[in-house]
Protein backbone atom coordinates (compact mmCIF):
# COMPACT_ATOMS: atom_id res chain seq x y z
CA UNK A 1 33.04 -24.94 7.46
CA UNK A 2 31.09 -23.22 9.59
CA UNK A 3 27.44 -22.87 8.30
CA UNK A 4 25.17 -19.51 8.44
CA UNK A 5 23.06 -18.63 11.88
CA UNK A 6 19.73 -19.34 11.29
CA UNK A 7 19.02 -16.23 13.87
CA UNK A 8 20.58 -13.60 11.60
CA UNK A 9 18.37 -11.64 9.88
CA UNK A 10 17.81 -10.75 6.25
CA UNK A 11 18.73 -7.48 5.44
CA UNK A 12 16.53 -8.39 1.77
CA UNK A 13 12.88 -7.04 2.30
CA UNK A 14 10.55 -9.35 0.97
CA UNK A 15 9.83 -8.39 -2.91
CA UNK A 16 5.51 -8.85 -2.23
CA UNK A 17 6.34 -5.51 0.68
CA UNK A 18 8.62 -3.66 -1.79
CA UNK A 19 6.24 -3.75 -4.11
CA UNK A 20 3.00 -2.22 -1.27
CA UNK A 21 5.25 0.52 0.06
CA UNK A 22 5.90 1.93 -3.50
CA UNK A 23 2.51 1.54 -4.51
CA UNK A 24 0.97 3.13 -0.97
CA UNK A 25 3.76 6.06 -1.40
CA UNK A 26 2.97 6.63 -4.99
CA UNK A 27 -0.66 6.95 -4.20
CA UNK A 28 -0.12 8.75 -1.23
CA UNK A 29 1.70 11.40 -3.06
CA UNK A 30 -0.86 11.64 -5.24
CA UNK A 31 -2.83 13.82 -2.60
CA UNK A 32 0.54 14.78 -0.83
CA UNK A 33 -0.59 18.50 -2.25
CA UNK A 34 2.08 20.38 -0.41
CA UNK A 35 4.83 17.54 -0.59
CA UNK A 36 5.14 17.48 3.14
CA UNK A 37 4.30 13.87 3.97
CA UNK A 38 1.09 14.79 4.86
CA UNK A 39 -2.62 13.87 3.95
CA UNK A 40 -6.31 15.27 3.91
CA UNK A 41 -7.93 12.82 6.52
CA UNK A 42 -10.68 13.49 4.36
CA UNK A 43 -8.59 11.77 1.84
CA UNK A 44 -7.76 8.45 2.95
CA UNK A 45 -10.93 6.75 1.91
CA UNK A 46 -9.77 7.73 -1.78
CA UNK A 47 -6.10 6.30 -1.14
CA UNK A 48 -7.50 3.37 0.56
CA UNK A 49 -9.47 2.32 -2.78
CA UNK A 50 -7.49 3.32 -5.05
CA UNK A 51 -5.40 0.96 -3.62
CA UNK A 52 -7.90 -1.39 -4.66
CA UNK A 53 -9.46 -1.89 -0.90
CA UNK A 54 -13.46 -1.38 -0.51
CA UNK A 55 -13.40 -1.22 3.51
CA UNK A 56 -16.92 0.23 4.83
CA UNK A 57 -17.96 3.19 6.34
CA UNK A 58 -16.97 1.70 9.65
CA UNK A 59 -13.75 0.01 8.84
CA UNK A 60 -12.97 3.34 7.20
CA UNK A 61 -13.25 5.17 10.06
CA UNK A 62 -11.35 2.56 12.36
CA UNK A 63 -8.96 3.07 9.76
CA UNK A 64 -8.77 6.62 10.07
CA UNK A 65 -8.43 6.40 13.64
CA UNK A 66 -5.53 4.32 13.38
CA UNK A 67 -3.45 6.20 11.42
CA UNK A 68 -4.50 9.95 13.09
CA UNK A 69 -2.67 11.91 15.29
CA UNK A 70 -3.63 11.19 19.12
CA UNK A 71 -4.81 14.90 19.06
CA UNK A 72 -6.39 15.44 15.28
CA UNK A 73 -5.19 17.71 12.90
CA UNK A 74 -7.44 17.31 10.52
CA UNK A 75 -3.72 15.67 8.71
CA UNK A 76 -2.47 12.44 8.29
CA UNK A 77 1.64 11.60 8.05
CA UNK A 78 2.63 9.50 5.61
CA UNK A 79 5.08 7.62 8.84
CA UNK A 80 1.53 6.04 10.61
CA UNK A 81 -0.25 5.64 6.86
CA UNK A 82 2.60 3.37 5.33
CA UNK A 83 2.40 0.34 7.60
CA UNK A 84 -1.43 0.38 8.04
CA UNK A 85 -2.02 0.52 4.45
CA UNK A 86 0.87 -2.44 3.43
CA UNK A 87 -0.71 -4.12 6.45
CA UNK A 88 -4.10 -4.06 4.87
CA UNK A 89 -2.68 -4.80 1.37
CA UNK A 90 -0.22 -7.70 2.61
CA UNK A 91 -3.43 -9.25 4.69
CA UNK A 92 -5.88 -8.42 1.22
CA UNK A 93 -8.27 -6.98 3.65
CA UNK A 94 -11.44 -5.03 2.12
CA UNK A 95 -11.05 -6.71 -1.02
CA UNK A 96 -13.82 -6.46 -3.99
CA UNK A 97 -16.75 -8.49 -4.37
CA UNK A 98 -16.43 -11.19 -7.30
CA UNK A 99 -18.81 -10.92 -10.52
CA UNK A 100 -20.22 -14.19 -9.25
CA UNK A 101 -21.11 -12.66 -5.84
CA UNK A 102 -22.31 -9.41 -6.83
CA UNK A 103 -24.75 -12.05 -9.24
CA UNK A 104 -25.99 -13.76 -6.67
CA UNK A 105 -26.93 -10.50 -4.82
CA UNK A 106 -28.52 -8.66 -7.28
CA UNK A 107 -30.43 -12.75 -8.22
CA UNK A 108 -31.29 -12.82 -3.98
CA UNK A 109 -33.59 -9.16 -4.80
CA UNK A 110 -34.51 -10.44 -7.80
CA UNK A 111 -37.43 -12.70 -6.19
CA UNK A 112 -39.25 -13.38 -9.49
CA UNK A 113 -36.11 -14.51 -11.41
CA UNK A 114 -37.20 -11.19 -14.03
CA UNK A 115 -33.30 -10.32 -15.13
CA UNK A 116 -34.04 -7.24 -13.70
CA UNK A 117 -34.64 -4.86 -10.78
CA UNK A 118 -37.18 -1.98 -10.76
CA UNK A 119 -36.32 1.49 -9.07
CA UNK A 120 -38.80 0.20 -5.88
CA UNK A 121 -36.47 -3.22 -5.36
CA UNK A 122 -33.32 -1.28 -6.10
CA UNK A 123 -33.97 1.51 -3.74
CA UNK A 124 -35.44 -0.73 -0.86
CA UNK A 125 -31.82 -2.60 -0.72
CA UNK A 126 -30.10 0.29 -1.39
CA UNK A 127 -31.39 2.38 1.65
CA UNK A 128 -32.59 -0.02 4.21
CA UNK A 129 -30.07 -2.71 4.14
CA UNK A 130 -26.48 -2.53 5.13
CA UNK A 131 -25.01 0.78 4.93
CA UNK A 132 -27.84 3.12 3.47
CA UNK A 133 -27.48 5.41 0.50
CA UNK A 134 -28.41 8.71 0.71
CA UNK A 135 -31.54 10.27 -1.51
CA UNK A 136 -28.45 12.03 -3.59
CA UNK A 137 -26.38 8.48 -3.52
CA UNK A 138 -29.08 6.99 -4.49
CA UNK A 139 -30.09 8.94 -7.62
CA UNK A 140 -26.53 8.70 -8.58
CA UNK A 141 -26.23 5.32 -8.53
CA UNK A 142 -29.19 4.85 -10.24
CA UNK A 143 -28.62 7.51 -13.21
CA UNK A 144 -24.88 5.42 -14.03
CA UNK A 145 -26.66 1.76 -13.92
CA UNK A 146 -29.85 2.62 -16.01
CA UNK A 147 -28.91 3.63 -19.65
CA UNK A 148 -32.31 3.00 -20.90
CA UNK A 149 -36.15 4.41 -20.96
CA UNK A 150 -37.56 1.29 -19.73
CA UNK A 151 -36.17 2.81 -16.03
CA UNK A 152 -35.25 -1.15 -15.36
CA UNK A 153 -32.15 -2.14 -13.34
CA UNK A 154 -30.47 -5.02 -15.53
CA UNK A 155 -27.65 -6.31 -13.50
CA UNK A 156 -26.33 -8.80 -15.71
CA UNK A 157 -25.12 -5.45 -17.95
CA UNK A 158 -24.32 -3.22 -14.78
CA UNK A 159 -22.31 -5.46 -12.90
CA UNK A 160 -19.06 -6.00 -15.46
CA UNK A 161 -18.97 -1.80 -15.02
CA UNK A 162 -18.64 -2.68 -11.34
CA UNK A 163 -15.99 -4.32 -11.29
CA UNK A 164 -14.09 -2.62 -13.59
CA UNK A 165 -14.64 0.54 -11.59
CA UNK A 166 -13.06 -1.69 -8.90
CA UNK A 167 -9.81 -1.89 -10.28
CA UNK A 168 -7.07 -0.05 -8.36
CA UNK A 169 -6.11 2.89 -10.92
CA UNK A 170 -2.47 2.99 -9.40
CA UNK A 171 0.34 -0.07 -10.56
């Protein structure tokens, strides 16, 4: 009996790729308001984050450049979007930080080991390091992060809520 040829391509798609395609399609369709397999380019970041990926603004600009038409129209077609996002998902790129990583970062800022940060300490880090927050972004973040009247950022309490927000809302 002849053995099957090793060069015959499989017609069965990888289940992980199938799941990635399904997630990308479902999320894309949510933002395809005209049901014409296009989305507004301004929605790309929202879709990428809904899929559980958190690229920097520079990385997001690269993703947009990759999925946009050569002559930008302000819209992104599904057939250009899907392979790029599937690749990102399969490569597990732009994964959110772990609780341990976030706590370690906040502890670096907490030089006096108080277990909390002041508004000025957080503002300095958020507005001057990495991808700086605008004043409005910082004000919104501070309002969400500080629930008590002490106006202190209790990072041990806040980190779990950050992780909860990072969970993709698309299955």
